[in-house]
Amino acid sequence: MDVSEGQHPQEQKRGSSGGIRLPETPGEAITVLAHFHRAEMGRMTGWRDRIDLTTNWAITVVAGMLSVSLSTPSAHHGVLLFAMVLVMLLLFIEARRYRFFDVYRTRVRRLERNYYAQVFAPRGHTEDWVRQMGEDLREPHFFISLRSALSRRLRRNYFWMFLVLLAAWILKISSSWLLQDEAPVDPAKPVPGLIQNLALGLVPGWAVLIAVCAFYCWLTYATFRPRQKAGELAHGDVHV
């Protein structure tokens, strides 16, 4: 005789779920959804706080380096270039954190859009959100690429920080009273003298100038490149 034939239906239910009873009534299912929504909100909020913390670090770096570089003529213009490198590092850290934040934000919005919105304003279902949610919980994966995350964070905050650093760098290299220790620029030939003062150790000034121009061309493209609205960007206008 098969042992399963003599089991109670609830016992069979527990056995199929590894010893944990699954929701059997609408009330239990609603309770599970409420707790799941609260848990994902907490995870989303935690990652959002980490994103804001990285942004605060970047603002602090920009403010500190501006103070060091522009407060005294003896400060080298390379301080501002070093600030650009630090802010770029923080940008990559924040983009990685943003990808994790987007995972939990997408789960929360999928539940709100397809369940809670149906409670307040019922519409026809447009996606198999229950199956998508289950597959995502079984095999979590990122919904956006690192490239897209960089573009979003640049558009929100970092591009404007880089513009501030660029403006300060141009002011630093073009103002004689901020370049006390550099060679004086010949008024008759200002461009060659200016490029000469851009040198960093063994790196010639023209190489530094080309590198900065190329870097900011890439930043401009990465920030304002054409993009298609996908994922949560296709649902409403409130986004991070």
Protein backbone atom coordinates (compact mmCIF):
# COMPACT_ATOMS: atom_id res chain seq x y z
CA MET A 1 0.00 0.00 0.00
CA ASP A 2 1.30 3.44 -0.94
CA VAL A 3 1.98 5.53 2.16
CA SER A 4 0.83 8.71 0.43
CA GLU A 5 -2.69 7.27 0.00
CA GLY A 6 -3.23 7.34 3.75
CA GLN A 7 -1.91 10.86 4.26
CA HIS A 8 -4.15 13.77 5.07
CA PRO A 9 -4.35 16.39 2.23
CA GLN A 10 -2.70 19.00 4.45
CA GLU A 11 0.16 16.58 5.19
CA GLN A 12 0.63 16.03 1.45
CA LYS A 13 0.68 19.83 1.05
CA ARG A 14 3.40 20.14 3.68
CA GLY A 15 5.45 17.36 2.10
CA SER A 16 5.40 18.97 -1.35
CA SER A 17 6.80 22.22 0.05
CA GLY A 18 9.64 20.76 2.05
CA GLY A 19 7.79 20.64 5.39
CA ILE A 20 6.44 24.23 5.25
CA ARG A 21 2.73 24.63 4.65
CA LEU A 22 1.83 26.87 1.71
CA PRO A 23 -1.11 29.31 1.77
CA GLU A 24 -4.39 27.46 1.31
CA THR A 25 -6.94 30.26 1.66
CA PRO A 26 -7.25 33.75 0.11
CA GLY A 27 -6.66 35.29 3.54
CA GLU A 28 -3.37 33.44 3.97
CA ALA A 29 -2.27 34.43 0.47
CA ILE A 30 -3.02 38.10 1.18
CA THR A 31 -0.99 37.88 4.39
CA VAL A 32 1.96 36.43 2.48
CA LEU A 33 1.74 39.21 -0.12
CA ALA A 34 1.63 41.89 2.57
CA HIS A 35 4.70 40.51 4.38
CA PHE A 36 6.54 40.02 1.09
CA HIS A 37 5.84 43.60 0.05
CA ARG A 38 7.05 44.91 3.40
CA ALA A 39 10.25 42.82 3.21
CA GLU A 40 11.09 43.93 -0.34
CA MET A 41 10.40 47.55 0.62
CA GLY A 42 12.93 47.20 3.42
CA ARG A 43 15.58 45.76 1.11
CA MET A 44 14.90 48.44 -1.50
CA THR A 45 15.16 51.20 1.13
CA GLY A 46 18.44 49.76 2.42
CA TRP A 47 20.03 49.84 -1.02
CA ARG A 48 18.64 53.32 -1.67
CA ASP A 49 20.34 54.52 1.51
CA ARG A 50 23.62 53.03 0.28
CA ILE A 51 23.20 54.89 -3.03
CA ASP A 52 22.63 58.18 -1.21
CA LEU A 53 25.69 57.51 0.96
CA THR A 54 27.91 57.12 -2.12
CA THR A 55 26.52 60.35 -3.56
CA ASN A 56 27.31 62.13 -0.30
CA TRP A 57 30.89 60.82 -0.49
CA ALA A 58 31.22 62.16 -4.03
CA ILE A 59 29.92 65.60 -3.04
CA THR A 60 32.35 65.66 -0.11
CA VAL A 61 35.26 64.75 -2.40
CA VAL A 62 34.33 67.50 -4.86
CA ALA A 63 33.98 70.12 -2.14
CA GLY A 64 37.22 69.10 -0.43
CA MET A 65 39.29 69.04 -3.61
CA LEU A 66 37.89 72.38 -4.75
CA SER A 67 38.85 73.88 -1.41
CA VAL A 68 42.39 72.48 -1.59
CA SER A 69 42.97 73.42 -5.22
CA LEU A 70 41.48 76.92 -5.38
CA SER A 71 42.38 78.16 -1.92
CA THR A 72 46.11 78.52 -2.61
CA PRO A 73 48.16 79.21 -5.77
CA SER A 74 50.72 76.61 -4.72
CA ALA A 75 48.23 73.73 -5.18
CA HIS A 76 48.84 71.79 -8.40
CA HIS A 77 46.06 71.50 -10.98
CA GLY A 78 46.54 67.73 -10.78
CA VAL A 79 44.54 67.82 -7.55
CA LEU A 80 41.40 68.44 -9.62
CA LEU A 81 42.32 65.65 -12.04
CA PHE A 82 42.74 63.34 -9.06
CA ALA A 83 39.29 64.45 -7.87
CA MET A 84 37.85 63.42 -11.24
CA VAL A 85 39.37 59.96 -10.82
CA LEU A 86 37.94 59.59 -7.31
CA VAL A 87 34.47 60.71 -8.38
CA MET A 88 34.63 58.27 -11.30
CA LEU A 89 35.46 55.46 -8.89
CA LEU A 90 32.49 56.44 -6.70
CA LEU A 91 30.30 56.53 -9.80
CA PHE A 92 31.12 52.90 -10.61
CA ILE A 93 30.48 51.89 -7.00
CA GLU A 94 27.13 53.66 -7.03
CA ALA A 95 26.17 52.15 -10.40
CA ARG A 96 26.79 48.67 -8.98
CA ARG A 97 24.64 49.49 -5.93
CA TYR A 98 21.97 50.93 -8.20
CA ARG A 99 21.69 47.63 -10.08
CA PHE A 100 20.92 45.82 -6.80
CA PHE A 101 18.47 48.56 -5.81
CA ASP A 102 16.74 48.19 -9.19
CA VAL A 103 16.16 44.47 -8.56
CA TYR A 104 14.17 45.08 -5.38
CA ARG A 105 12.50 48.23 -6.71
CA THR A 106 11.28 46.24 -9.74
CA ARG A 107 9.81 43.54 -7.48
CA VAL A 108 8.01 46.12 -5.35
CA ARG A 109 6.66 47.99 -8.35
CA ARG A 110 5.58 44.78 -10.07
CA LEU A 111 3.57 43.81 -7.00
CA GLU A 112 2.11 47.29 -6.59
CA ARG A 113 1.30 47.68 -10.27
CA ASN A 114 -0.34 44.29 -10.75
CA TYR A 115 -1.93 43.59 -7.35
CA TYR A 116 -2.43 46.69 -5.22
CA ALA A 117 -3.39 48.83 -8.20
CA GLN A 118 -5.99 46.20 -9.12
CA VAL A 119 -7.51 46.58 -5.66
CA PHE A 120 -8.06 50.33 -6.07
CA ALA A 121 -8.64 50.57 -9.84
CA PRO A 122 -9.23 47.18 -11.48
CA ARG A 123 -8.05 46.71 -15.06
CA GLY A 124 -7.38 43.80 -17.32
CA HIS A 125 -4.17 41.95 -16.54
CA THR A 126 -1.41 42.85 -18.97
CA GLU A 127 1.36 40.50 -17.83
CA ASP A 128 1.84 37.17 -16.11
CA TRP A 129 3.35 38.88 -13.09
CA VAL A 130 2.95 35.97 -10.66
CA ARG A 131 5.03 33.66 -12.83
CA GLN A 132 7.62 36.40 -13.46
CA MET A 133 7.87 37.07 -9.73
CA GLY A 134 8.36 33.39 -8.96
CA GLU A 135 11.05 32.95 -11.61
CA ASP A 136 12.88 36.04 -10.36
CA LEU A 137 12.84 34.73 -6.79
CA ARG A 138 14.18 31.36 -7.90
CA GLU A 139 16.94 32.79 -10.11
CA PRO A 140 17.56 36.47 -9.29
CA HIS A 141 19.23 38.50 -12.02
CA PHE A 142 19.86 42.15 -12.81
CA PHE A 143 17.29 43.97 -14.91
CA ILE A 144 19.62 46.70 -16.20
CA SER A 145 23.20 46.66 -17.44
CA LEU A 146 26.11 48.46 -15.82
CA ARG A 147 26.11 50.80 -18.80
CA SER A 148 22.50 51.81 -18.20
CA ALA A 149 23.11 52.21 -14.47
CA LEU A 150 26.07 54.51 -15.15
CA SER A 151 23.96 56.57 -17.52
CA ARG A 152 21.15 56.97 -14.99
CA ARG A 153 23.43 58.01 -12.16
CA LEU A 154 25.31 60.42 -14.42
CA ARG A 155 22.06 61.99 -15.53
CA ARG A 156 20.79 62.38 -11.97
CA ASN A 157 23.90 63.60 -10.13
CA TYR A 158 27.38 62.84 -11.31
CA PHE A 159 27.52 64.65 -14.65
CA TRP A 160 26.94 67.94 -12.88
CA MET A 161 29.70 67.18 -10.37
CA PHE A 162 32.08 66.52 -13.24
CA LEU A 163 31.06 69.82 -14.83
CA VAL A 164 31.91 71.64 -11.59
CA LEU A 165 35.32 69.96 -11.52
CA LEU A 166 35.92 70.82 -15.18
CA ALA A 167 35.02 74.47 -14.59
CA ALA A 168 37.37 74.60 -11.60
CA TRP A 169 40.16 72.94 -13.60
CA ILE A 170 39.78 75.45 -16.47
CA LEU A 171 39.83 78.30 -13.96
CA LYS A 172 42.91 76.84 -12.32
CA ILE A 173 44.95 76.44 -15.52
CA SER A 174 43.87 79.75 -17.06
CA SER A 175 44.38 82.06 -14.06
CA SER A 176 47.93 83.29 -13.49
CA TRP A 177 47.27 84.04 -9.82
CA LEU A 178 46.29 80.36 -9.29
CA LEU A 179 49.48 79.04 -10.95
CA GLN A 180 52.14 80.61 -8.79
CA ASP A 181 54.68 77.79 -9.14
CA GLU A 182 54.21 77.24 -12.87
CA ALA A 183 56.21 78.83 -15.67
CA PRO A 184 54.89 82.25 -16.70
CA VAL A 185 52.80 82.23 -19.87
CA ASP A 186 54.03 84.41 -22.73
CA PRO A 187 51.15 86.77 -23.67
CA ALA A 188 52.25 86.58 -27.30
CA LYS A 189 51.96 82.75 -27.30
CA PRO A 190 49.46 81.86 -24.57
CA VAL A 191 48.40 78.47 -25.92
CA PRO A 192 51.85 76.76 -25.98
CA GLY A 193 52.64 78.10 -22.52
CA LEU A 194 49.29 76.94 -21.17
CA ILE A 195 49.74 73.45 -22.59
CA GLN A 196 53.24 73.29 -21.13
CA ASN A 197 51.84 74.00 -17.65
CA LEU A 198 49.41 71.08 -18.00
CA ALA A 199 52.21 68.51 -17.78
CA LEU A 200 52.00 65.89 -15.04
CA GLY A 201 55.45 64.55 -14.29
CA LEU A 202 56.62 62.74 -17.43
CA VAL A 203 53.22 63.09 -19.11
CA PRO A 204 53.32 66.06 -21.53
CA GLY A 205 50.69 68.76 -21.35
CA TRP A 206 49.17 67.95 -24.73
CA ALA A 207 48.54 64.34 -23.63
CA VAL A 208 46.80 65.55 -20.45
CA LEU A 209 44.62 67.93 -22.48
CA ILE A 210 43.63 65.19 -24.96
CA ALA A 211 42.84 62.78 -22.13
CA VAL A 212 40.59 65.30 -20.36
CA CYS A 213 38.77 66.20 -23.60
CA ALA A 214 38.24 62.53 -24.48
CA PHE A 215 37.01 61.76 -20.97
CA TYR A 216 34.41 64.52 -21.04
CA CYS A 217 33.27 63.59 -24.54
CA TRP A 218 32.61 60.08 -23.23
CA LEU A 219 30.81 61.45 -20.17
CA THR A 220 28.56 63.60 -22.36
CA TYR A 221 27.69 60.67 -24.62
CA ALA A 222 27.11 58.28 -21.70
CA THR A 223 24.82 60.81 -20.02
CA PHE A 224 22.70 61.98 -22.95
CA ARG A 225 22.84 59.02 -25.32
CA PRO A 226 19.49 58.03 -26.86
CA ARG A 227 17.66 55.48 -24.77
CA GLN A 228 14.44 53.54 -24.90
CA LYS A 229 12.07 53.48 -21.97
CA ALA A 230 12.05 49.94 -20.64
CA GLY A 231 11.32 48.21 -17.36
CA GLU A 232 10.03 50.58 -14.71
CA LEU A 233 10.90 53.60 -16.88
CA ALA A 234 7.93 52.63 -19.04
CA HIS A 235 5.51 52.96 -16.08
CA GLY A 236 5.11 56.52 -14.85
CA ASP A 237 7.56 59.37 -14.37
CA VAL A 238 8.74 58.90 -10.76
CA HIS A 239 12.15 57.24 -10.90
CA VAL A 240 15.50 57.43 -9.16
